[in-house]
Amino acid sequence: MGTNSGLPNTSNRILTTAVFVLLILVAAWSSTFIDQLYWQWVTRLMKRFNGSHLKFAGKPFHLFPMLKVVYGFSIFVPVAFWLLRNYFKRDWLLHLIIILLLFIASTVLISWAQSSLLPAGCTVCNDGIYTIFYNKVPYDGCFVSSLAIGLFYLLIITFLRFKKRKNRGAL
């Protein structure tokens, strides 16, 4: 009698579930620190791109993380880990670097677009200068969009890899 019934090993399932729960918790905890740094970075980018038409008001103080950032990062980390789990170390590192570069590039582009569109849509600006409060900087949507671009890249390469394996097996 064979013990292999075609079902996944129960201890493997438990280990995988534990790793995913741990990844979600670590991602949620670390997103509280990432949130502050990302907010400062987007604010600096907006000042750099369109500082002559943007005026920041209020106190540059940011206490609590945005829920979109916490949820987005908590979903991104385990999904990215799951999609990259079958790659070799070199390929895994290469894709991780590409995701990081895509994240940086998309953040810069989105920040540039936001800093350009805010003054353009202003109807009550003094001399074309738009006043934005520090706590109203729209960085959470930028963060989630940049993560989504990285995740989209991972989904495409995973799909192409799966399709390549499937075609190779059909021959």
Protein backbone atom coordinates (compact mmCIF):
# COMPACT_ATOMS: atom_id res chain seq x y z
CA MET A 1 0.00 0.00 0.00
CA GLY A 2 1.30 3.38 -0.99
CA THR A 3 1.04 6.29 1.38
CA ASN A 4 1.05 8.85 -1.44
CA SER A 5 -2.58 9.63 -2.17
CA GLY A 6 -1.82 12.55 -4.48
CA LEU A 7 -2.70 15.11 -1.82
CA PRO A 8 -0.16 17.64 -0.55
CA ASN A 9 1.60 16.76 2.67
CA THR A 10 -0.26 18.18 5.69
CA SER A 11 2.91 19.32 7.44
CA ASN A 12 3.92 21.11 4.23
CA ARG A 13 0.59 22.96 4.22
CA ILE A 14 0.98 23.96 7.84
CA LEU A 15 4.53 25.21 7.26
CA THR A 16 3.48 27.17 4.15
CA THR A 17 0.55 28.72 6.00
CA ALA A 18 2.75 29.65 8.95
CA VAL A 19 5.30 31.29 6.64
CA PHE A 20 2.56 33.29 4.90
CA VAL A 21 1.06 34.46 8.19
CA LEU A 22 4.52 35.42 9.43
CA LEU A 23 5.22 37.32 6.19
CA ILE A 24 1.94 39.21 6.52
CA LEU A 25 2.69 40.17 10.12
CA VAL A 26 6.27 41.24 9.38
CA ALA A 27 5.10 43.22 6.33
CA ALA A 28 2.38 44.98 8.35
CA TRP A 29 4.83 45.84 11.12
CA SER A 30 7.56 47.07 8.76
CA SER A 31 5.08 49.09 6.68
CA THR A 32 4.66 51.46 9.61
CA PHE A 33 8.31 52.46 9.22
CA ILE A 34 8.27 52.40 5.43
CA ASP A 35 5.20 54.66 5.44
CA GLN A 36 7.04 57.55 7.12
CA LEU A 37 10.07 57.31 4.84
CA TYR A 38 7.94 57.03 1.73
CA TRP A 39 5.84 60.06 2.72
CA GLN A 40 9.01 62.13 3.16
CA TRP A 41 10.40 60.92 -0.16
CA VAL A 42 7.23 61.74 -2.14
CA THR A 43 7.04 65.17 -0.49
CA ARG A 44 10.65 65.88 -1.47
CA LEU A 45 10.03 64.67 -5.02
CA MET A 46 7.00 66.92 -5.37
CA LYS A 47 9.02 69.90 -4.11
CA ARG A 48 11.85 69.11 -6.48
CA PHE A 49 9.66 68.64 -9.56
CA ASN A 50 7.35 71.61 -9.12
CA GLY A 51 8.54 73.59 -6.14
CA SER A 52 7.97 76.93 -7.84
CA HIS A 53 4.23 76.22 -8.20
CA LEU A 54 3.66 74.32 -4.96
CA LYS A 55 3.63 75.78 -1.48
CA PHE A 56 3.55 73.36 1.44
CA ALA A 57 1.69 74.53 4.53
CA GLY A 58 1.22 73.14 8.00
CA LYS A 59 3.62 71.08 10.02
CA PRO A 60 5.63 68.35 8.33
CA PHE A 61 4.48 65.81 10.90
CA HIS A 62 3.20 62.35 10.12
CA LEU A 63 2.24 60.14 13.06
CA PHE A 64 0.13 57.19 11.91
CA PRO A 65 0.58 55.13 8.76
CA MET A 66 -2.12 55.13 6.10
CA LEU A 67 -4.13 51.93 5.99
CA LYS A 68 -3.68 51.66 2.22
CA VAL A 69 0.07 51.45 2.74
CA VAL A 70 -0.21 48.84 5.49
CA TYR A 71 -2.72 46.71 3.57
CA GLY A 72 -0.92 47.10 0.25
CA PHE A 73 2.47 46.10 1.61
CA SER A 74 0.95 43.29 3.68
CA ILE A 75 -0.57 41.82 0.52
CA PHE A 76 2.40 42.50 -1.75
CA VAL A 77 5.08 40.76 0.34
CA PRO A 78 3.46 37.30 0.67
CA VAL A 79 2.18 37.32 -2.93
CA ALA A 80 5.63 38.28 -4.25
CA PHE A 81 7.21 35.60 -2.07
CA TRP A 82 4.74 33.03 -3.38
CA LEU A 83 5.38 34.00 -7.02
CA LEU A 84 9.17 33.93 -6.57
CA ARG A 85 9.35 30.76 -4.46
CA ASN A 86 10.27 28.42 -7.33
CA TYR A 87 13.06 30.54 -8.81
CA PHE A 88 16.74 29.89 -8.29
CA LYS A 89 18.61 32.32 -6.05
CA ARG A 90 20.17 34.26 -8.94
CA ASP A 91 16.86 34.66 -10.80
CA TRP A 92 15.06 35.50 -7.58
CA LEU A 93 17.54 38.29 -6.84
CA LEU A 94 17.38 39.59 -10.41
CA HIS A 95 13.58 39.81 -10.31
CA LEU A 96 13.69 41.45 -6.90
CA ILE A 97 16.06 44.13 -8.25
CA ILE A 98 13.81 44.69 -11.27
CA ILE A 99 10.79 45.07 -8.97
CA LEU A 100 12.69 47.60 -6.85
CA LEU A 101 13.70 49.58 -9.95
CA LEU A 102 10.12 49.53 -11.25
CA PHE A 103 8.91 50.70 -7.83
CA ILE A 104 11.36 53.62 -7.79
CA ALA A 105 10.67 54.61 -11.41
CA SER A 106 6.90 54.49 -10.99
CA THR A 107 7.07 56.48 -7.75
CA VAL A 108 9.13 59.18 -9.45
CA LEU A 109 6.78 59.32 -12.45
CA ILE A 110 3.61 59.38 -10.35
CA SER A 111 5.06 62.07 -8.06
CA TRP A 112 6.02 64.16 -11.07
CA ALA A 113 2.53 63.79 -12.55
CA GLN A 114 0.85 64.68 -9.25
CA SER A 115 3.07 67.70 -8.66
CA SER A 116 2.34 68.92 -12.18
CA LEU A 117 -1.41 68.31 -12.09
CA LEU A 118 -2.13 69.88 -8.70
CA PRO A 119 -1.27 73.47 -9.75
CA ALA A 120 -2.79 72.96 -13.21
CA GLY A 121 -6.19 72.19 -11.71
CA CYS A 122 -6.14 75.08 -9.26
CA THR A 123 -8.76 77.78 -9.82
CA VAL A 124 -8.15 79.90 -6.70
CA CYS A 125 -4.36 79.99 -6.68
CA ASN A 126 -2.40 83.12 -5.90
CA ASP A 127 -0.08 83.81 -8.84
CA GLY A 128 -0.32 80.17 -9.96
CA ILE A 129 1.00 78.78 -6.68
CA TYR A 130 -0.99 75.88 -5.23
CA THR A 131 -0.97 75.49 -1.46
CA ILE A 132 -1.02 71.92 -0.19
CA PHE A 133 -0.90 70.83 3.42
CA TYR A 134 1.74 68.30 4.36
CA ASN A 135 -0.86 65.87 5.62
CA LYS A 136 -2.73 66.05 2.28
CA VAL A 137 0.16 64.80 0.13
CA PRO A 138 -1.40 61.94 -1.88
CA TYR A 139 1.35 59.41 -1.28
CA ASP A 140 -0.72 56.36 -0.33
CA GLY A 141 -2.19 55.94 -3.80
CA CYS A 142 1.29 56.41 -5.24
CA PHE A 143 2.65 53.67 -2.97
CA VAL A 144 -0.08 51.17 -3.81
CA SER A 145 0.18 51.94 -7.55
CA SER A 146 3.95 51.43 -7.49
CA LEU A 147 3.52 48.12 -5.67
CA ALA A 148 0.87 47.07 -8.19
CA ILE A 149 3.26 47.75 -11.07
CA GLY A 150 5.88 45.52 -9.46
CA LEU A 151 3.30 42.82 -8.79
CA PHE A 152 2.03 43.06 -12.37
CA TYR A 153 5.58 42.46 -13.60
CA LEU A 154 5.83 39.38 -11.37
CA LEU A 155 2.51 38.04 -12.62
CA ILE A 156 3.59 38.45 -16.25
CA ILE A 157 6.93 36.66 -15.82
CA THR A 158 5.26 33.89 -13.82
CA PHE A 159 2.62 33.43 -16.51
CA LEU A 160 5.26 33.38 -19.26
CA ARG A 161 7.34 30.87 -17.31
CA PHE A 162 4.31 28.65 -16.74
CA LYS A 163 3.35 28.88 -20.43
CA LYS A 164 6.90 28.02 -21.49
CA ARG A 165 6.94 24.94 -19.23
CA LYS A 166 3.53 23.87 -20.47
CA ASN A 167 4.59 24.18 -24.12
CA ARG A 168 7.79 22.28 -23.41
CA GLY A 169 5.80 19.43 -21.84
CA ALA A 170 3.42 19.26 -24.83
CA LEU A 171 6.24 18.54 -27.28
